[in-house]
PDB file of N, CA and C in Angstrom:
ATOM      1  N   MET A   1     111.910 187.362  55.670  1.00  0.00           N
ATOM      2  CA  MET A   1     110.758 188.189  55.498  1.00  0.00           C
ATOM      3  C   MET A   1     110.231 188.684  56.852  1.00  0.00           C
ATOM      4  N   ASN A   2     110.212 187.823  57.852  1.00  0.00           N
ATOM      5  CA  ASN A   2     109.648 188.210  59.139  1.00  0.00           C
ATOM      6  C   ASN A   2     110.451 189.318  59.813  1.00  0.00           C
ATOM      7  N   SER A   3     111.764 189.262  59.696  1.00  0.00           N
ATOM      8  CA  SER A   3     112.568 190.338  60.283  1.00  0.00           C
ATOM      9  C   SER A   3     112.293 191.652  59.559  1.00  0.00           C
ATOM     10  N   ARG A   4     111.984 191.589  58.278  1.00  0.00           N
ATOM     11  CA  ARG A   4     111.657 192.806  57.527  1.00  0.00           C
ATOM     12  C   ARG A   4     110.286 193.353  57.927  1.00  0.00           C
ATOM     13  N   LEU A   5     109.349 192.455  58.228  1.00  0.00           N
ATOM     14  CA  LEU A   5     108.038 192.908  58.714  1.00  0.00           C
ATOM     15  C   LEU A   5     108.199 193.694  60.004  1.00  0.00           C
ATOM     16  N   ILE A   6     108.990 193.154  60.911  1.00  0.00           N
ATOM     17  CA  ILE A   6     109.213 193.831  62.191  1.00  0.00           C
ATOM     18  C   ILE A   6     109.953 195.149  61.968  1.00  0.00           C
ATOM     19  N   ALA A   7     110.996 195.126  61.138  1.00  0.00           N
ATOM     20  CA  ALA A   7     111.768 196.342  60.860  1.00  0.00           C
ATOM     21  C   ALA A   7     110.880 197.422  60.236  1.00  0.00           C
ATOM     22  N   LEU A   8     109.989 197.018  59.347  1.00  0.00           N
ATOM     23  CA  LEU A   8     109.081 197.983  58.718  1.00  0.00           C
ATOM     24  C   LEU A   8     108.130 198.594  59.751  1.00  0.00           C
ATOM     25  N   ASN A   9     107.614 197.762  60.641  1.00  0.00           N
ATOM     26  CA  ASN A   9     106.723 198.272  61.687  1.00  0.00           C
ATOM     27  C   ASN A   9     107.445 199.226  62.631  1.00  0.00           C
ATOM     28  N   ILE A  10     108.715 198.965  62.894  1.00  0.00           N
ATOM     29  CA  ILE A  10     109.512 199.856  63.746  1.00  0.00           C
ATOM     30  C   ILE A  10     109.858 201.144  62.997  1.00  0.00           C
ATOM     31  N   ALA A  11     110.274 201.004  61.723  1.00  0.00           N
ATOM     32  CA  ALA A  11     110.657 202.176  60.926  1.00  0.00           C
ATOM     33  C   ALA A  11     109.496 203.141  60.724  1.00  0.00           C
ATOM     34  N   THR A  12     108.279 202.626  60.689  1.00  0.00           N
ATOM     35  CA  THR A  12     107.101 203.479  60.501  1.00  0.00           C
ATOM     36  C   THR A  12     106.478 203.886  61.839  1.00  0.00           C
ATOM     37  N   ASN A  13     107.213 203.632  62.930  1.00  0.00           N
ATOM     38  CA  ASN A  13     106.783 204.000  64.296  1.00  0.00           C
ATOM     39  C   ASN A  13     105.472 203.355  64.730  1.00  0.00           C
ATOM     40  N   GLN A  14     105.177 202.190  64.167  1.00  0.00           N
ATOM     41  CA  GLN A  14     103.977 201.470  64.580  1.00  0.00           C
ATOM     42  C   GLN A  14     104.269 200.533  65.748  1.00  0.00           C
ATOM     43  N   LEU A  15     105.534 200.112  65.867  1.00  0.00           N
ATOM     44  CA  LEU A  15     106.016 199.354  67.018  1.00  0.00           C
ATOM     45  C   LEU A  15     107.249 200.062  67.556  1.00  0.00           C
ATOM     46  N   THR A  16     107.431 200.008  68.856  1.00  0.00           N
ATOM     47  CA  THR A  16     108.592 200.617  69.494  1.00  0.00           C
ATOM     48  C   THR A  16     109.341 199.542  70.266  1.00  0.00           C
ATOM     49  N   PRO A  17     110.632 199.327  69.970  1.00  0.00           N
ATOM     50  CA  PRO A  17     111.387 198.278  70.664  1.00  0.00           C
ATOM     51  C   PRO A  17     111.439 198.453  72.176  1.00  0.00           C
ATOM     52  N   LYS A  18     111.357 199.688  72.669  1.00  0.00           N
ATOM     53  CA  LYS A  18     111.460 199.936  74.108  1.00  0.00           C
ATOM     54  C   LYS A  18     110.144 199.687  74.845  1.00  0.00           C
ATOM     55  N   THR A  19     109.060 199.509  74.095  1.00  0.00           N
ATOM     56  CA  THR A  19     107.751 199.291  74.711  1.00  0.00           C
ATOM     57  C   THR A  19     107.574 197.812  75.030  1.00  0.00           C
ATOM     58  N   SER A  20     107.056 197.532  76.208  1.00  0.00           N
ATOM     59  CA  SER A  20     106.744 196.146  76.563  1.00  0.00           C
ATOM     60  C   SER A  20     105.233 196.013  76.720  1.00  0.00           C
ATOM     61  N   GLY A  21     104.778 194.777  76.808  1.00  0.00           N
ATOM     62  CA  GLY A  21     103.361 194.548  77.026  1.00  0.00           C
ATOM     63  C   GLY A  21     102.545 194.404  75.757  1.00  0.00           C
ATOM     64  N   TYR A  22     103.214 194.249  74.617  1.00  0.00           N
ATOM     65  CA  TYR A  22     102.473 193.986  73.395  1.00  0.00           C
ATOM     66  C   TYR A  22     101.779 192.630  73.502  1.00  0.00           C
ATOM     67  N   THR A  23     100.618 192.497  72.911  1.00  0.00           N
ATOM     68  CA  THR A  23      99.910 191.224  72.864  1.00  0.00           C
ATOM     69  C   THR A  23     100.129 190.595  71.498  1.00  0.00           C
ATOM     70  N   LEU A  24     100.663 189.388  71.499  1.00  0.00           N
ATOM     71  CA  LEU A  24     100.925 188.657  70.263  1.00  0.00           C
ATOM     72  C   LEU A  24      99.753 187.731  69.991  1.00  0.00           C
ATOM     73  N   ASP A  25      99.145 187.869  68.820  1.00  0.00           N
ATOM     74  CA  ASP A  25      98.044 187.004  68.395  1.00  0.00           C
ATOM     75  C   ASP A  25      98.585 186.069  67.326  1.00  0.00           C
ATOM     76  N   PHE A  26      98.687 184.790  67.666  1.00  0.00           N
ATOM     77  CA  PHE A  26      99.270 183.782  66.776  1.00  0.00           C
ATOM     78  C   PHE A  26      98.186 182.809  66.364  1.00  0.00           C
ATOM     79  N   ASP A  27      98.095 182.513  65.072  1.00  0.00           N
ATOM     80  CA  ASP A  27      97.049 181.612  64.609  1.00  0.00           C
ATOM     81  C   ASP A  27      97.524 180.827  63.402  1.00  0.00           C
ATOM     82  N   ASN A  28      96.987 179.634  63.281  1.00  0.00           N
ATOM     83  CA  ASN A  28      97.164 178.813  62.088  1.00  0.00           C
ATOM     84  C   ASN A  28      95.840 178.831  61.344  1.00  0.00           C
ATOM     85  N   VAL A  29      95.894 178.985  60.052  1.00  0.00           N
ATOM     86  CA  VAL A  29      94.677 178.984  59.242  1.00  0.00           C
ATOM     87  C   VAL A  29      94.855 178.016  58.088  1.00  0.00           C
ATOM     88  N   VAL A  30      93.762 177.537  57.543  1.00  0.00           N
ATOM     89  CA  VAL A  30      93.816 176.698  56.351  1.00  0.00           C
ATOM     90  C   VAL A  30      93.310 177.532  55.183  1.00  0.00           C
ATOM     91  N   VAL A  31      94.159 177.680  54.167  1.00  0.00           N
ATOM     92  CA  VAL A  31      93.777 178.387  52.955  1.00  0.00           C
ATOM     93  C   VAL A  31      93.483 177.308  51.916  1.00  0.00           C
ATOM     94  N   GLN A  32      92.207 177.079  51.661  1.00  0.00           N
ATOM     95  CA  GLN A  32      91.811 175.998  50.767  1.00  0.00           C
ATOM     96  C   GLN A  32      92.177 176.318  49.330  1.00  0.00           C
ATOM     97  N   THR A  33      92.697 175.301  48.620  1.00  0.00           N
ATOM     98  CA  THR A  33      93.070 175.446  47.219  1.00  0.00           C
ATOM     99  C   THR A  33      93.108 174.063  46.576  1.00  0.00           C
ATOM    100  N   GLU A  34      93.043 174.023  45.286  1.00  0.00           N
ATOM    101  CA  GLU A  34      93.147 172.764  44.545  1.00  0.00           C
ATOM    102  C   GLU A  34      94.496 172.646  43.844  1.00  0.00           C
ATOM    103  N   LYS A  35      95.457 173.469  44.228  1.00  0.00           N
ATOM    104  CA  LYS A  35      96.780 173.413  43.599  1.00  0.00           C
ATOM    105  C   LYS A  35      97.431 172.064  43.855  1.00  0.00           C
ATOM    106  N   GLN A  36      98.289 171.663  42.942  1.00  0.00           N
ATOM    107  CA  GLN A  36      98.891 170.330  42.975  1.00  0.00           C
ATOM    108  C   GLN A  36      99.730 170.078  44.221  1.00  0.00           C
ATOM    109  N   ASP A  37     100.444 171.083  44.728  1.00  0.00           N
ATOM    110  CA  ASP A  37     101.326 170.870  45.876  1.00  0.00           C
ATOM    111  C   ASP A  37     100.621 171.044  47.227  1.00  0.00           C
ATOM    112  N   ALA A  38      99.328 171.353  47.216  1.00  0.00           N
ATOM    113  CA  ALA A  38      98.587 171.524  48.463  1.00  0.00           C
ATOM    114  C   ALA A  38      98.417 170.174  49.161  1.00  0.00           C
ATOM    115  N   LYS A  39      98.445 170.202  50.488  1.00  0.00           N
ATOM    116  CA  LYS A  39      98.315 168.990  51.305  1.00  0.00           C
ATOM    117  C   LYS A  39      96.922 168.906  51.906  1.00  0.00           C
ATOM    118  N   LEU A  40      96.503 167.695  52.254  1.00  0.00           N
ATOM    119  CA  LEU A  40      95.234 167.499  52.926  1.00  0.00           C
ATOM    120  C   LEU A  40      95.329 168.066  54.337  1.00  0.00           C
ATOM    121  N   SER A  41      94.390 168.902  54.720  1.00  0.00           N
ATOM    122  CA  SER A  41      94.427 169.545  56.030  1.00  0.00           C
ATOM    123  C   SER A  41      93.613 168.750  57.040  1.00  0.00           C
ATOM    124  N   TYR A  42      93.637 169.202  58.288  1.00  0.00           N
ATOM    125  CA  TYR A  42      92.882 168.540  59.344  1.00  0.00           C
ATOM    126  C   TYR A  42      91.375 168.660  59.131  1.00  0.00           C
ATOM    127  N   ILE A  43      90.939 169.602  58.294  1.00  0.00           N
ATOM    128  CA  ILE A  43      89.510 169.712  58.006  1.00  0.00           C
ATOM    129  C   ILE A  43      89.134 168.971  56.727  1.00  0.00           C
ATOM    130  N   LYS A  44      90.032 168.093  56.286  1.00  0.00           N
ATOM    131  CA  LYS A  44      89.803 167.188  55.153  1.00  0.00           C
ATOM    132  C   LYS A  44      89.641 167.903  53.817  1.00  0.00           C
ATOM    133  N   THR A  45      90.296 169.056  53.659  1.00  0.00           N
ATOM    134  CA  THR A  45      90.334 169.737  52.378  1.00  0.00           C
ATOM    135  C   THR A  45      91.787 169.998  52.016  1.00  0.00           C
ATOM    136  N   LYS A  46      92.068 170.113  50.725  1.00  0.00           N
ATOM    137  CA  LYS A  46      93.425 170.431  50.296  1.00  0.00           C
ATOM    138  C   LYS A  46      93.672 171.925  50.462  1.00  0.00           C
ATOM    139  N   GLY A  47      94.868 172.258  50.946  1.00  0.00           N
ATOM    140  CA  GLY A  47      95.184 173.672  51.098  1.00  0.00           C
ATOM    141  C   GLY A  47      96.540 173.899  51.715  1.00  0.00           C
ATOM    142  N   TYR A  48      96.846 175.156  51.938  1.00  0.00           N
ATOM    143  CA  TYR A  48      98.074 175.572  52.608  1.00  0.00           C
ATOM    144  C   TYR A  48      97.736 175.890  54.056  1.00  0.00           C
ATOM    145  N   HIS A  49      98.732 175.800  54.927  1.00  0.00           N
ATOM    146  CA  HIS A  49      98.482 175.952  56.352  1.00  0.00           C
ATOM    147  C   HIS A  49      99.502 176.915  56.957  1.00  0.00           C
ATOM    148  N   PRO A  50      99.373 178.229  56.676  1.00  0.00           N
ATOM    149  CA  PRO A  50     100.365 179.170  57.196  1.00  0.00           C
ATOM    150  C   PRO A  50     100.168 179.514  58.667  1.00  0.00           C
ATOM    151  N   ASN A  51     101.262 179.836  59.316  1.00  0.00           N
ATOM    152  CA  ASN A  51     101.230 180.425  60.660  1.00  0.00           C
ATOM    153  C   ASN A  51     101.272 181.930  60.450  1.00  0.00           C
ATOM    154  N   ILE A  52     100.428 182.645  61.165  1.00  0.00           N
ATOM    155  CA  ILE A  52     100.389 184.091  61.044  1.00  0.00           C
ATOM    156  C   ILE A  52     100.356 184.687  62.448  1.00  0.00           C
ATOM    157  N   ALA A  53     101.181 185.692  62.694  1.00  0.00           N
ATOM    158  CA  ALA A  53     101.194 186.359  63.998  1.00  0.00           C
ATOM    159  C   ALA A  53     101.054 187.868  63.801  1.00  0.00           C
ATOM    160  N   PHE A  54     100.258 188.466  64.668  1.00  0.00           N
ATOM    161  CA  PHE A  54     100.024 189.903  64.641  1.00  0.00           C
ATOM    162  C   PHE A  54     100.273 190.490  66.018  1.00  0.00           C
ATOM    163  N   ILE A  55     100.690 191.733  66.046  1.00  0.00           N
ATOM    164  CA  ILE A  55     100.653 192.555  67.245  1.00  0.00           C
ATOM    165  C   ILE A  55      99.666 193.660  66.885  1.00  0.00           C
ATOM    166  N   GLY A  56      98.522 193.630  67.536  1.00  0.00           N
ATOM    167  CA  GLY A  56      97.435 194.514  67.116  1.00  0.00           C
ATOM    168  C   GLY A  56      97.004 194.104  65.722  1.00  0.00           C
ATOM    169  N   ARG A  57      97.010 195.040  64.798  1.00  0.00           N
ATOM    170  CA  ARG A  57      96.676 194.740  63.406  1.00  0.00           C
ATOM    171  C   ARG A  57      97.923 194.675  62.527  1.00  0.00           C
ATOM    172  N   LEU A  58      99.098 194.632  63.154  1.00  0.00           N
ATOM    173  CA  LEU A  58     100.361 194.648  62.420  1.00  0.00           C
ATOM    174  C   LEU A  58     100.901 193.235  62.250  1.00  0.00           C
ATOM    175  N   PRO A  59     101.121 192.780  61.008  1.00  0.00           N
ATOM    176  CA  PRO A  59     101.698 191.451  60.813  1.00  0.00           C
ATOM    177  C   PRO A  59     103.167 191.456  61.213  1.00  0.00           C
ATOM    178  N   VAL A  60     103.570 190.455  62.009  1.00  0.00           N
ATOM    179  CA  VAL A  60     104.966 190.360  62.432  1.00  0.00           C
ATOM    180  C   VAL A  60     105.582 189.002  62.107  1.00  0.00           C
ATOM    181  N   HIS A  61     104.764 188.041  61.668  1.00  0.00           N
ATOM    182  CA  HIS A  61     105.291 186.713  61.345  1.00  0.00           C
ATOM    183  C   HIS A  61     104.341 186.010  60.389  1.00  0.00           C
ATOM    184  N   ILE A  62     104.886 185.507  59.262  1.00  0.00           N
ATOM    185  CA  ILE A  62     104.117 184.708  58.309  1.00  0.00           C
ATOM    186  C   ILE A  62     105.018 183.570  57.865  1.00  0.00           C
ATOM    187  N   GLU A  63     104.536 182.343  58.014  1.00  0.00           N
ATOM    188  CA  GLU A  63     105.333 181.181  57.641  1.00  0.00           C
ATOM    189  C   GLU A  63     104.406 180.043  57.240  1.00  0.00           C
ATOM    190  N   ASN A  64     104.679 179.422  56.110  1.00  0.00           N
ATOM    191  CA  ASN A  64     103.849 178.309  55.653  1.00  0.00           C
ATOM    192  C   ASN A  64     104.385 176.996  56.213  1.00  0.00           C
ATOM    193  N   HIS A  65     103.471 176.107  56.612  1.00  0.00           N
ATOM    194  CA  HIS A  65     103.846 174.794  57.106  1.00  0.00           C
ATOM    195  C   HIS A  65     103.020 173.725  56.431  1.00  0.00           C
ATOM    196  N   ASN A  66     103.622 172.573  56.259  1.00  0.00           N
ATOM    197  CA  ASN A  66     102.915 171.397  55.783  1.00  0.00           C
ATOM    198  C   ASN A  66     102.070 170.877  56.943  1.00  0.00           C
ATOM    199  N   GLU A  67     100.827 170.509  56.711  1.00  0.00           N
ATOM    200  CA  GLU A  67      99.930 170.031  57.768  1.00  0.00           C
ATOM    201  C   GLU A  67     100.540 168.875  58.549  1.00  0.00           C
ATOM    202  N   ILE A  68     101.173 167.936  57.874  1.00  0.00           N
ATOM    203  CA  ILE A  68     101.774 166.789  58.554  1.00  0.00           C
ATOM    204  C   ILE A  68     102.862 167.243  59.518  1.00  0.00           C
ATOM    205  N   LEU A  69     103.638 168.229  59.122  1.00  0.00           N
ATOM    206  CA  LEU A  69     104.688 168.762  59.987  1.00  0.00           C
ATOM    207  C   LEU A  69     104.107 169.330  61.272  1.00  0.00           C
ATOM    208  N   LEU A  70     102.976 170.020  61.164  1.00  0.00           N
ATOM    209  CA  LEU A  70     102.354 170.613  62.348  1.00  0.00           C
ATOM    210  C   LEU A  70     101.933 169.553  63.355  1.00  0.00           C
ATOM    211  N   LEU A  71     101.551 168.397  62.889  1.00  0.00           N
ATOM    212  CA  LEU A  71     101.084 167.355  63.788  1.00  0.00           C
ATOM    213  C   LEU A  71     102.205 166.769  64.638  1.00  0.00           C
ATOM    214  N   VAL A  72     103.443 166.811  64.158  1.00  0.00           N
ATOM    215  CA  VAL A  72     104.551 166.215  64.891  1.00  0.00           C
ATOM    216  C   VAL A  72     105.412 167.239  65.636  1.00  0.00           C
ATOM    217  N   MET A  73     105.181 168.506  65.382  1.00  0.00           N
ATOM    218  CA  MET A  73     105.966 169.547  66.049  1.00  0.00           C
ATOM    219  C   MET A  73     105.378 169.846  67.420  1.00  0.00           C
ATOM    220  N   SER A  74     106.236 170.102  68.376  1.00  0.00           N
ATOM    221  CA  SER A  74     105.749 170.546  69.678  1.00  0.00           C
ATOM    222  C   SER A  74     105.409 172.036  69.583  1.00  0.00           C
ATOM    223  N   LYS A  75     104.618 172.530  70.519  1.00  0.00           N
ATOM    224  CA  LYS A  75     104.283 173.957  70.512  1.00  0.00           C
ATOM    225  C   LYS A  75     105.530 174.808  70.653  1.00  0.00           C
ATOM    226  N   LYS A  76     106.494 174.323  71.435  1.00  0.00           N
ATOM    227  CA  LYS A  76     107.735 175.075  71.623  1.00  0.00           C
ATOM    228  C   LYS A  76     108.455 175.238  70.287  1.00  0.00           C
ATOM    229  N   GLU A  77     108.533 174.167  69.505  1.00  0.00           N
ATOM    230  CA  GLU A  77     109.179 174.237  68.191  1.00  0.00           C
ATOM    231  C   GLU A  77     108.396 175.149  67.258  1.00  0.00           C
ATOM    232  N   LEU A  78     107.085 175.036  67.311  1.00  0.00           N
ATOM    233  CA  LEU A  78     106.224 175.808  66.415  1.00  0.00           C
ATOM    234  C   LEU A  78     106.333 177.305  66.688  1.00  0.00           C
ATOM    235  N   TYR A  79     106.413 177.688  67.953  1.00  0.00           N
ATOM    236  CA  TYR A  79     106.419 179.102  68.325  1.00  0.00           C
ATOM    237  C   TYR A  79     107.799 179.717  68.410  1.00  0.00           C
ATOM    238  N   LYS A  80     108.872 178.924  68.333  1.00  0.00           N
ATOM    239  CA  LYS A  80     110.211 179.462  68.588  1.00  0.00           C
ATOM    240  C   LYS A  80     110.577 180.618  67.665  1.00  0.00           C
ATOM    241  N   ASP A  81     110.218 180.530  66.395  1.00  0.00           N
ATOM    242  CA  ASP A  81     110.543 181.622  65.477  1.00  0.00           C
ATOM    243  C   ASP A  81     109.737 182.869  65.786  1.00  0.00           C
ATOM    244  N   VAL A  82     108.506 182.695  66.221  1.00  0.00           N
ATOM    245  CA  VAL A  82     107.656 183.836  66.548  1.00  0.00           C
ATOM    246  C   VAL A  82     108.122 184.518  67.811  1.00  0.00           C
ATOM    247  N   LEU A  83     108.540 183.746  68.798  1.00  0.00           N
ATOM    248  CA  LEU A  83     108.902 184.303  70.093  1.00  0.00           C
ATOM    249  C   LEU A  83     110.225 185.068  70.070  1.00  0.00           C
ATOM    250  N   ILE A  84     110.973 184.947  68.997  1.00  0.00           N
ATOM    251  CA  ILE A  84     112.200 185.727  68.845  1.00  0.00           C
ATOM    252  C   ILE A  84     111.855 187.211  68.734  1.00  0.00           C
ATOM    253  N   ILE A  85     110.659 187.504  68.318  1.00  0.00           N
ATOM    254  CA  ILE A  85     110.181 188.883  68.201  1.00  0.00           C
ATOM    255  C   ILE A  85     110.411 189.581  69.500  1.00  0.00           C
TER     256      ILE A  85
END
């Protein structure tokens, strides 16, 4: 999905592969829910914990992670898929 997000942004001329200096905004958010498969988050509520990255207002990376996984991953591991952009 992430490669398609980037391809779509390039195909619509919103991103240009030859341009450098883009600012990547990467964030983890907690989407609170009471669904059965939701995990307890660091804010003590059940929910999903996706990683989301934008260049400007353009989404370039979306990936869901289990909260427990985030606690044991290094930043390098966490960002490696995003930095391929």
